[in-house]
Amino acid sequence: MTSFAVTYEIVTPESAEQGDVEERGYVVCGVPLRDALRVMDAIPNGIMATECDECPVVAPRWVTHIGTADYRTGNAESRSLHMPDILTPATRRRIARLLGALMS
């Protein structure tokens, strides 16, 4: 079974002033793609943008959903899907397209 990991970062207004994040870690690790995709879409305040680590020509290693900031606290959570090394470049690009990071 191919296993994926999803990490998170929470940026607060205070941590942003310092150019850092308030908190980071793993949401899940060693899960199948289906479970990782569910976790990626569960950002508390919704998804503001999606990006990947490399240009579309090269196979991305991770895809990040950047969350919308909570209007009460200003905190924003981002989640990144980390792809295993055994995936082919074409599969990596398909997953990035599925998450909205690359155009067809």
N, C-alpha and C. Protein backbone atom coordinates (compact mmCIF):
# COMPACT_ATOMS: atom_id res chain seq x y z
N MET A 1 0.84 -1.18 0.00
CA MET A 1 0.00 0.00 0.00
C MET A 1 0.89 1.25 0.00
N THR A 2 0.54 2.21 -0.84
CA THR A 2 1.24 3.49 -0.86
C THR A 2 0.67 4.36 0.24
N SER A 3 1.56 4.95 1.05
CA SER A 3 1.07 5.76 2.16
C SER A 3 1.47 7.22 2.00
N PHE A 4 0.57 8.08 2.44
CA PHE A 4 0.72 9.53 2.33
C PHE A 4 0.73 10.14 3.72
N ALA A 5 1.23 11.35 3.81
CA ALA A 5 1.21 12.11 5.06
C ALA A 5 0.59 13.46 4.79
N VAL A 6 -0.10 13.99 5.81
CA VAL A 6 -0.64 15.34 5.75
C VAL A 6 -0.12 16.10 6.96
N THR A 7 0.51 17.25 6.69
CA THR A 7 1.00 18.10 7.77
C THR A 7 0.17 19.37 7.82
N TYR A 8 0.30 20.09 8.93
CA TYR A 8 -0.44 21.36 9.07
C TYR A 8 0.49 22.44 9.61
N GLU A 9 0.11 23.67 9.36
CA GLU A 9 0.76 24.84 9.95
C GLU A 9 -0.33 25.83 10.31
N ILE A 10 -0.23 26.42 11.49
CA ILE A 10 -1.16 27.46 11.91
C ILE A 10 -0.37 28.76 12.05
N VAL A 11 -0.82 29.76 11.33
CA VAL A 11 -0.21 31.09 11.39
C VAL A 11 -1.16 32.01 12.13
N THR A 12 -0.64 32.67 13.14
CA THR A 12 -1.40 33.68 13.88
C THR A 12 -0.90 35.06 13.46
N PRO A 13 -1.66 36.11 13.73
CA PRO A 13 -1.16 37.45 13.41
C PRO A 13 0.20 37.72 14.07
N GLU A 14 0.37 37.26 15.30
CA GLU A 14 1.63 37.47 16.01
C GLU A 14 2.79 36.70 15.36
N SER A 15 2.55 35.44 14.99
CA SER A 15 3.62 34.66 14.37
C SER A 15 3.96 35.19 12.98
N ALA A 16 2.95 35.71 12.29
CA ALA A 16 3.20 36.28 10.96
C ALA A 16 4.12 37.50 11.06
N GLU A 17 3.96 38.28 12.10
CA GLU A 17 4.84 39.44 12.30
C GLU A 17 6.29 39.00 12.45
N GLN A 18 6.50 37.82 13.03
CA GLN A 18 7.84 37.29 13.22
C GLN A 18 8.33 36.49 12.01
N GLY A 19 7.45 36.31 11.01
CA GLY A 19 7.83 35.55 9.82
C GLY A 19 7.90 34.06 10.07
N ASP A 20 7.08 33.57 11.00
CA ASP A 20 7.11 32.15 11.37
C ASP A 20 5.67 31.65 11.53
N VAL A 21 5.55 30.41 11.93
CA VAL A 21 4.25 29.84 12.23
C VAL A 21 4.12 29.62 13.74
N GLU A 22 2.90 29.61 14.22
CA GLU A 22 2.65 29.38 15.64
C GLU A 22 2.80 27.91 16.00
N GLU A 23 2.31 27.05 15.08
CA GLU A 23 2.29 25.62 15.37
C GLU A 23 2.38 24.85 14.06
N ARG A 24 3.04 23.69 14.10
CA ARG A 24 3.11 22.82 12.92
C ARG A 24 3.27 21.37 13.39
N GLY A 25 2.85 20.46 12.53
CA GLY A 25 2.97 19.05 12.87
C GLY A 25 2.23 18.17 11.87
N TYR A 26 2.05 16.91 12.24
CA TYR A 26 1.34 15.96 11.38
C TYR A 26 -0.12 15.89 11.77
N VAL A 27 -0.99 15.88 10.75
CA VAL A 27 -2.41 15.58 10.97
C VAL A 27 -2.55 14.07 10.92
N VAL A 28 -2.02 13.44 9.87
CA VAL A 28 -1.99 11.98 9.72
C VAL A 28 -0.70 11.60 9.01
N CYS A 29 -0.29 10.36 9.21
CA CYS A 29 0.92 9.86 8.57
C CYS A 29 0.71 8.39 8.25
N GLY A 30 1.14 7.97 7.06
CA GLY A 30 1.03 6.56 6.69
C GLY A 30 -0.36 6.11 6.33
N VAL A 31 -1.14 7.00 5.71
CA VAL A 31 -2.52 6.65 5.34
C VAL A 31 -2.65 6.54 3.83
N PRO A 32 -3.69 5.83 3.36
CA PRO A 32 -3.91 5.76 1.91
C PRO A 32 -4.36 7.13 1.37
N LEU A 33 -4.26 7.30 0.07
CA LEU A 33 -4.59 8.56 -0.58
C LEU A 33 -6.01 9.02 -0.24
N ARG A 34 -6.97 8.14 -0.26
CA ARG A 34 -8.37 8.49 0.01
C ARG A 34 -8.49 9.18 1.37
N ASP A 35 -7.86 8.62 2.40
CA ASP A 35 -7.93 9.21 3.74
C ASP A 35 -7.18 10.54 3.80
N ALA A 36 -6.06 10.62 3.12
CA ALA A 36 -5.28 11.86 3.10
C ALA A 36 -6.09 12.98 2.43
N LEU A 37 -6.81 12.66 1.36
CA LEU A 37 -7.62 13.67 0.67
C LEU A 37 -8.74 14.18 1.56
N ARG A 38 -9.35 13.29 2.33
CA ARG A 38 -10.41 13.72 3.27
C ARG A 38 -9.86 14.71 4.29
N VAL A 39 -8.68 14.41 4.82
CA VAL A 39 -8.06 15.28 5.82
C VAL A 39 -7.67 16.62 5.19
N MET A 40 -7.20 16.59 3.95
CA MET A 40 -6.80 17.83 3.27
C MET A 40 -7.99 18.79 3.14
N ASP A 41 -9.16 18.25 2.84
CA ASP A 41 -10.34 19.09 2.60
C ASP A 41 -11.02 19.54 3.88
N ALA A 42 -10.53 19.11 5.03
CA ALA A 42 -11.19 19.41 6.31
C ALA A 42 -10.58 20.61 7.02
N ILE A 43 -10.07 21.57 6.29
CA ILE A 43 -9.52 22.79 6.91
C ILE A 43 -10.69 23.55 7.54
N PRO A 44 -10.56 23.93 8.81
CA PRO A 44 -11.67 24.52 9.55
C PRO A 44 -12.41 25.69 8.89
N ASN A 45 -11.72 26.67 8.32
CA ASN A 45 -12.39 27.85 7.77
C ASN A 45 -12.47 27.86 6.25
N GLY A 46 -12.23 26.72 5.64
CA GLY A 46 -12.30 26.64 4.19
C GLY A 46 -10.96 26.91 3.52
N ILE A 47 -10.91 26.66 2.23
CA ILE A 47 -9.66 26.77 1.46
C ILE A 47 -9.65 28.08 0.69
N MET A 48 -8.59 28.86 0.88
CA MET A 48 -8.44 30.13 0.18
C MET A 48 -7.66 29.95 -1.13
N ALA A 49 -6.63 29.08 -1.11
CA ALA A 49 -5.78 28.88 -2.29
C ALA A 49 -5.11 27.52 -2.20
N THR A 50 -4.59 27.06 -3.33
CA THR A 50 -3.87 25.79 -3.39
C THR A 50 -2.60 26.01 -4.20
N GLU A 51 -1.50 25.42 -3.74
CA GLU A 51 -0.23 25.54 -4.45
C GLU A 51 0.57 24.25 -4.30
N CYS A 52 1.54 24.07 -5.19
CA CYS A 52 2.45 22.93 -5.05
C CYS A 52 3.88 23.45 -4.98
N ASP A 53 4.79 22.57 -4.64
CA ASP A 53 6.16 22.99 -4.37
C ASP A 53 7.00 23.27 -5.60
N GLU A 54 6.59 22.82 -6.76
CA GLU A 54 7.41 22.99 -7.96
C GLU A 54 6.55 23.40 -9.14
N CYS A 55 7.20 23.82 -10.19
CA CYS A 55 6.46 24.21 -11.39
C CYS A 55 5.79 22.99 -12.01
N PRO A 56 4.77 23.20 -12.84
CA PRO A 56 4.02 22.08 -13.42
C PRO A 56 4.85 21.12 -14.28
N VAL A 57 5.97 21.57 -14.78
CA VAL A 57 6.80 20.72 -15.63
C VAL A 57 7.43 19.59 -14.82
N VAL A 58 7.74 19.88 -13.58
CA VAL A 58 8.38 18.90 -12.70
C VAL A 58 7.31 18.30 -11.80
N ALA A 59 7.51 17.05 -11.39
CA ALA A 59 6.53 16.39 -10.54
C ALA A 59 6.58 16.96 -9.12
N PRO A 60 5.47 17.48 -8.60
CA PRO A 60 5.48 18.04 -7.26
C PRO A 60 5.66 16.97 -6.19
N ARG A 61 6.27 17.36 -5.09
CA ARG A 61 6.46 16.46 -3.96
C ARG A 61 5.38 16.65 -2.91
N TRP A 62 4.81 17.86 -2.87
CA TRP A 62 3.69 18.10 -1.97
C TRP A 62 2.77 19.16 -2.56
N VAL A 63 1.53 19.16 -2.06
CA VAL A 63 0.52 20.13 -2.45
C VAL A 63 -0.04 20.72 -1.17
N THR A 64 -0.20 22.04 -1.16
CA THR A 64 -0.68 22.73 0.04
C THR A 64 -2.00 23.45 -0.22
N HIS A 65 -2.97 23.21 0.67
CA HIS A 65 -4.20 24.01 0.72
C HIS A 65 -3.96 25.09 1.75
N ILE A 66 -4.08 26.33 1.35
CA ILE A 66 -3.91 27.46 2.27
C ILE A 66 -5.30 27.85 2.76
N GLY A 67 -5.47 27.80 4.06
CA GLY A 67 -6.78 28.05 4.64
C GLY A 67 -7.10 29.53 4.77
N THR A 68 -8.39 29.80 4.81
CA THR A 68 -8.90 31.15 5.04
C THR A 68 -8.75 31.49 6.52
N ALA A 69 -8.37 32.71 6.82
CA ALA A 69 -8.18 33.12 8.22
C ALA A 69 -9.53 33.21 8.94
N ASP A 70 -9.52 32.80 10.20
CA ASP A 70 -10.69 32.94 11.06
C ASP A 70 -10.89 34.43 11.33
N TYR A 71 -12.06 34.96 11.04
CA TYR A 71 -12.27 36.40 11.18
C TYR A 71 -12.21 36.88 12.63
N ARG A 72 -12.44 35.98 13.59
CA ARG A 72 -12.39 36.39 15.00
C ARG A 72 -10.97 36.45 15.54
N THR A 73 -10.14 35.48 15.18
CA THR A 73 -8.79 35.38 15.75
C THR A 73 -7.68 35.79 14.78
N GLY A 74 -7.96 35.73 13.49
CA GLY A 74 -6.93 36.00 12.50
C GLY A 74 -6.04 34.81 12.21
N ASN A 75 -6.28 33.68 12.90
CA ASN A 75 -5.47 32.48 12.69
C ASN A 75 -5.86 31.81 11.37
N ALA A 76 -4.86 31.28 10.67
CA ALA A 76 -5.10 30.56 9.41
C ALA A 76 -4.34 29.25 9.44
N GLU A 77 -5.01 28.18 9.02
CA GLU A 77 -4.38 26.86 8.97
C GLU A 77 -4.16 26.45 7.52
N SER A 78 -2.99 25.90 7.25
CA SER A 78 -2.68 25.33 5.94
C SER A 78 -2.38 23.85 6.13
N ARG A 79 -2.74 23.06 5.14
CA ARG A 79 -2.44 21.62 5.18
C ARG A 79 -1.73 21.21 3.90
N SER A 80 -0.73 20.34 4.06
CA SER A 80 0.06 19.89 2.91
C SER A 80 0.01 18.37 2.80
N LEU A 81 -0.29 17.90 1.60
CA LEU A 81 -0.25 16.47 1.28
C LEU A 81 1.14 16.16 0.77
N HIS A 82 1.84 15.26 1.44
CA HIS A 82 3.19 14.85 1.06
C HIS A 82 3.10 13.52 0.33
N MET A 83 3.63 13.48 -0.89
CA MET A 83 3.53 12.28 -1.72
C MET A 83 4.76 11.39 -1.54
N PRO A 84 4.54 10.08 -1.50
CA PRO A 84 5.67 9.16 -1.36
C PRO A 84 6.56 9.17 -2.60
N ASP A 85 7.83 8.87 -2.38
CA ASP A 85 8.83 8.90 -3.45
C ASP A 85 8.55 7.88 -4.55
N ILE A 86 7.82 6.82 -4.26
CA ILE A 86 7.63 5.77 -5.26
C ILE A 86 6.64 6.15 -6.36
N LEU A 87 5.92 7.25 -6.21
CA LEU A 87 4.97 7.66 -7.24
C LEU A 87 5.69 8.17 -8.48
N THR A 88 5.13 7.88 -9.63
CA THR A 88 5.71 8.37 -10.87
C THR A 88 5.42 9.87 -11.01
N PRO A 89 6.20 10.58 -11.81
CA PRO A 89 5.93 11.99 -12.04
C PRO A 89 4.51 12.25 -12.56
N ALA A 90 4.03 11.39 -13.44
CA ALA A 90 2.67 11.56 -13.98
C ALA A 90 1.61 11.42 -12.88
N THR A 91 1.80 10.48 -11.97
CA THR A 91 0.86 10.30 -10.87
C THR A 91 0.89 11.51 -9.94
N ARG A 92 2.07 12.02 -9.67
CA ARG A 92 2.19 13.22 -8.82
C ARG A 92 1.45 14.40 -9.43
N ARG A 93 1.61 14.58 -10.74
CA ARG A 93 0.91 15.68 -11.41
C ARG A 93 -0.60 15.46 -11.40
N ARG A 94 -1.06 14.22 -11.56
CA ARG A 94 -2.51 13.94 -11.51
C ARG A 94 -3.09 14.29 -10.14
N ILE A 95 -2.37 13.92 -9.08
CA ILE A 95 -2.83 14.23 -7.73
C ILE A 95 -2.86 15.75 -7.52
N ALA A 96 -1.83 16.44 -8.00
CA ALA A 96 -1.80 17.90 -7.87
C ALA A 96 -2.97 18.54 -8.62
N ARG A 97 -3.30 18.02 -9.80
CA ARG A 97 -4.47 18.53 -10.55
C ARG A 97 -5.76 18.25 -9.80
N LEU A 98 -5.86 17.06 -9.22
CA LEU A 98 -7.05 16.68 -8.46
C LEU A 98 -7.28 17.65 -7.30
N LEU A 99 -6.21 18.10 -6.68
CA LEU A 99 -6.31 19.04 -5.55
C LEU A 99 -6.40 20.49 -6.00
N GLY A 100 -6.32 20.74 -7.29
CA GLY A 100 -6.47 22.10 -7.80
C GLY A 100 -5.20 22.91 -7.88
N ALA A 101 -4.04 22.26 -7.75
CA ALA A 101 -2.77 22.99 -7.78
C ALA A 101 -2.24 23.19 -9.20
N LEU A 102 -2.62 22.35 -10.12
CA LEU A 102 -2.16 22.45 -11.51
C LEU A 102 -3.35 22.49 -12.44
N MET A 103 -3.18 23.17 -13.54
CA MET A 103 -4.20 23.19 -14.58
C MET A 103 -4.01 21.96 -15.47
N SER A 104 -5.05 21.56 -16.15
CA SER A 104 -4.99 20.39 -17.03
C SER A 104 -4.04 20.55 -18.16
